[in-house]
Protein backbone atom coordinates (compact mmCIF):
# COMPACT_ATOMS: atom_id res chain seq x y z
CA MET A 1 -180.39 -26.05 4.11
CA SER A 2 -179.21 -22.60 5.00
CA ASP A 3 -178.96 -21.25 8.50
CA ARG A 4 -180.59 -18.02 7.39
CA LYS A 5 -184.31 -17.44 7.41
CA TYR A 6 -184.46 -15.77 3.97
CA ARG A 7 -182.51 -16.87 0.92
CA GLN A 8 -181.51 -13.36 -0.23
CA ARG A 9 -178.06 -12.27 -1.22
CA GLY A 10 -176.63 -9.80 1.22
CA TYR A 11 -173.76 -8.91 3.47
CA MET A 12 -173.37 -12.46 4.80
CA ASP A 13 -172.62 -13.95 1.38
CA ASP A 14 -169.12 -15.10 0.68
CA ASP A 15 -167.39 -13.28 -2.14
CA ARG A 16 -165.18 -16.32 -2.72
CA ASP A 17 -167.94 -18.03 -4.68
CA ARG A 18 -168.08 -15.31 -7.34
CA ALA A 19 -165.31 -14.12 -9.63
CA PRO A 20 -164.14 -10.54 -8.92
CA ARG A 21 -165.45 -7.97 -11.39
CA PRO A 22 -163.49 -4.85 -12.33
CA PRO A 23 -165.04 -1.47 -11.43
CA ALA A 24 -167.39 0.06 -13.99
CA ARG A 25 -165.02 2.91 -14.83
CA GLU A 26 -162.24 0.54 -15.81
CA ARG A 27 -164.52 -1.61 -17.97
CA GLU A 28 -165.86 1.25 -20.12
CA ARG A 29 -162.74 3.35 -20.62
CA ALA A 30 -159.71 2.25 -22.53
CA PRO A 31 -156.40 2.43 -20.69
CA GLY A 32 -154.24 5.48 -21.26
CA PRO A 33 -154.86 9.21 -21.41
CA ARG A 34 -158.01 10.67 -22.86
CA PRO A 35 -157.78 11.91 -26.46
CA ARG A 36 -157.09 15.65 -26.84
CA GLY A 37 -160.22 16.32 -28.91
CA ASP A 38 -162.55 15.37 -26.03
CA ARG A 39 -161.64 18.29 -23.77
CA PRO A 40 -161.44 22.02 -24.43
CA GLU A 41 -158.23 23.98 -24.10
CA GLY A 42 -157.89 25.93 -20.87
CA PRO A 43 -160.38 26.45 -18.08
CA ARG A 44 -164.09 26.75 -18.67
CA THR A 45 -165.46 30.28 -18.69
CA PRO A 46 -168.30 30.88 -16.23
CA ASN A 47 -171.60 32.20 -17.53
CA MET A 48 -171.93 35.16 -15.17
CA PRO A 49 -174.61 37.81 -15.63
CA GLY A 50 -173.57 41.44 -15.89
CA PHE A 51 -174.31 44.19 -13.41
CA ARG A 52 -175.90 47.60 -13.95
CA SER A 53 -176.55 50.68 -11.88
CA VAL A 54 -180.20 51.76 -11.83
CA ILE A 55 -182.40 54.31 -10.08
CA ARG A 56 -185.75 53.07 -8.81
CA CYS A 57 -188.71 54.91 -7.32
CA HIS A 58 -188.68 54.81 -3.51
CA ARG A 59 -192.41 54.07 -3.33
CA CYS A 60 -193.30 51.64 -6.14
CA GLY A 61 -189.87 50.42 -7.33
CA ALA A 62 -190.38 51.46 -10.96
CA LEU A 63 -187.27 52.05 -13.04
CA VAL A 64 -186.50 55.77 -13.45
CA THR A 65 -184.96 56.48 -16.84
CA ALA A 66 -185.15 60.30 -17.02
CA ALA A 67 -182.92 62.68 -15.08
CA ILE A 68 -184.33 63.70 -11.71
CA ALA A 69 -184.88 67.45 -11.40
CA VAL A 70 -186.82 69.55 -8.89
CA GLY A 71 -190.50 68.71 -9.32
CA THR A 72 -189.96 65.37 -11.10
CA ALA A 73 -192.59 62.75 -10.31
CA CYS A 74 -192.67 58.99 -10.90
CA ALA A 75 -194.40 58.09 -14.14
CA ARG A 76 -196.02 55.03 -12.56
CA CYS A 77 -197.25 56.09 -9.12
CA GLY A 78 -196.86 59.89 -9.16
CA ALA A 79 -194.57 60.02 -6.10
CA ALA A 80 -192.04 62.82 -5.79
CA LEU A 81 -188.60 61.75 -6.98
CA HIS A 82 -186.67 64.84 -5.85
CA CYS A 83 -187.27 64.13 -2.16
CA CYS A 84 -185.33 63.04 0.92
CA ALA A 85 -186.53 59.42 0.72
CA GLN A 86 -185.00 59.12 -2.78
CA CYS A 87 -181.68 60.78 -1.78
CA GLU A 88 -178.37 58.94 -1.40
CA SER A 89 -177.77 60.70 1.95
CA PHE A 90 -181.10 59.64 3.51
CA ASP A 91 -180.51 57.62 6.69
CA PRO A 92 -183.27 57.16 9.31
CA GLY A 93 -180.66 56.65 12.05
CA ALA A 94 -178.75 59.88 11.43
CA ARG A 95 -179.44 63.33 12.86
CA TYR A 96 -182.33 64.95 10.96
CA GLU A 97 -182.39 61.66 9.01
CA CYS A 98 -179.67 62.90 6.65
CA LEU A 99 -175.94 62.20 6.40
CA GLN A 100 -175.28 65.75 5.12
CA PRO A 101 -174.81 68.62 7.62
CA LEU A 102 -178.24 70.22 7.93
CA THR A 103 -179.36 73.02 10.24
CA ALA A 104 -183.06 72.09 10.31
CA ARG A 105 -185.07 68.93 9.82
CA VAL A 106 -187.09 68.54 6.62
CA ALA A 107 -190.55 67.43 7.78
CA PRO A 108 -192.17 65.21 5.13
CA LYS A 109 -189.42 62.99 3.76
CA ASP A 110 -191.46 61.88 0.75
CA ALA A 111 -192.50 65.37 -0.45
CA PHE A 112 -190.74 67.56 -3.04
CA THR A 113 -187.65 69.36 -1.73
CA THR A 114 -185.34 72.01 -3.15
CA CYS A 115 -182.28 70.69 -1.35
CA SER A 116 -179.03 71.47 -3.17
CA LEU A 117 -177.35 68.41 -1.62
CA PHE A 118 -179.76 65.99 -3.32
CA GLU A 119 -178.12 63.04 -5.11
CA PRO A 120 -180.43 60.26 -6.39
CA ARG A 121 -179.90 56.86 -4.78
CA SER A 122 -178.77 54.26 -7.27
CA THR A 123 -178.59 50.51 -6.73
CA VAL A 124 -176.52 47.86 -8.46
CA GLU A 125 -178.56 45.01 -9.91
CA ARG A 126 -177.81 41.92 -11.94
CA GLU A 127 -178.71 41.98 -15.59
CA THR A 128 -181.11 39.11 -16.03
CA GLY A 129 -183.66 38.35 -18.70
CA SER A 130 -185.32 41.76 -18.56
CA ALA A 131 -187.74 40.92 -21.37
CA ARG A 132 -189.07 37.92 -19.47
CA GLN A 133 -189.21 39.89 -16.23
CA SER A 134 -191.02 42.85 -17.78
CA THR A 135 -193.64 40.64 -19.42
CA ALA A 136 -194.22 38.82 -16.14
CA ARG A 137 -194.45 42.16 -14.34
CA THR A 138 -196.92 43.56 -16.86
CA ALA A 139 -198.99 40.38 -16.69
CA PHE A 140 -199.14 40.73 -12.89
CA ASP A 141 -200.07 44.41 -13.12
CA ASP A 142 -202.79 43.63 -15.67
CA LEU A 143 -204.53 41.43 -13.10
CA PHE A 144 -205.29 44.42 -10.89
CA LYS A 145 -206.25 47.05 -13.49
CA ILE A 146 -209.64 48.62 -13.02
């Protein structure tokens, strides 16, 4: 009779009773180097997405494809695109909220301006499955159409 309460195999078993087994890796693989046809030549190339520079509306985030001129409005929401909020130099923490040297503050930052220092703000985004994203976006927008 055993001195243990349960007759399960565990850490108290003696390994002397059983024959040693080789590790699983050694049993399956033949000795020697792997054949050359099993592995590709050189390092693997990563599947990295590309990047693109885009201009988006400051209010709704829609992609702006046309050139921004004085009086240009967003095709989706109608917001002014030639405005301080869309400018590359717009900074809420700077004097007059602009990084360019200005003599007077422009009051509504989201209204049309005739500033000659205007440069549209562009962002760098990853190129992902745009077809899948646009269909998902249109499906979401279709939920709230009146």
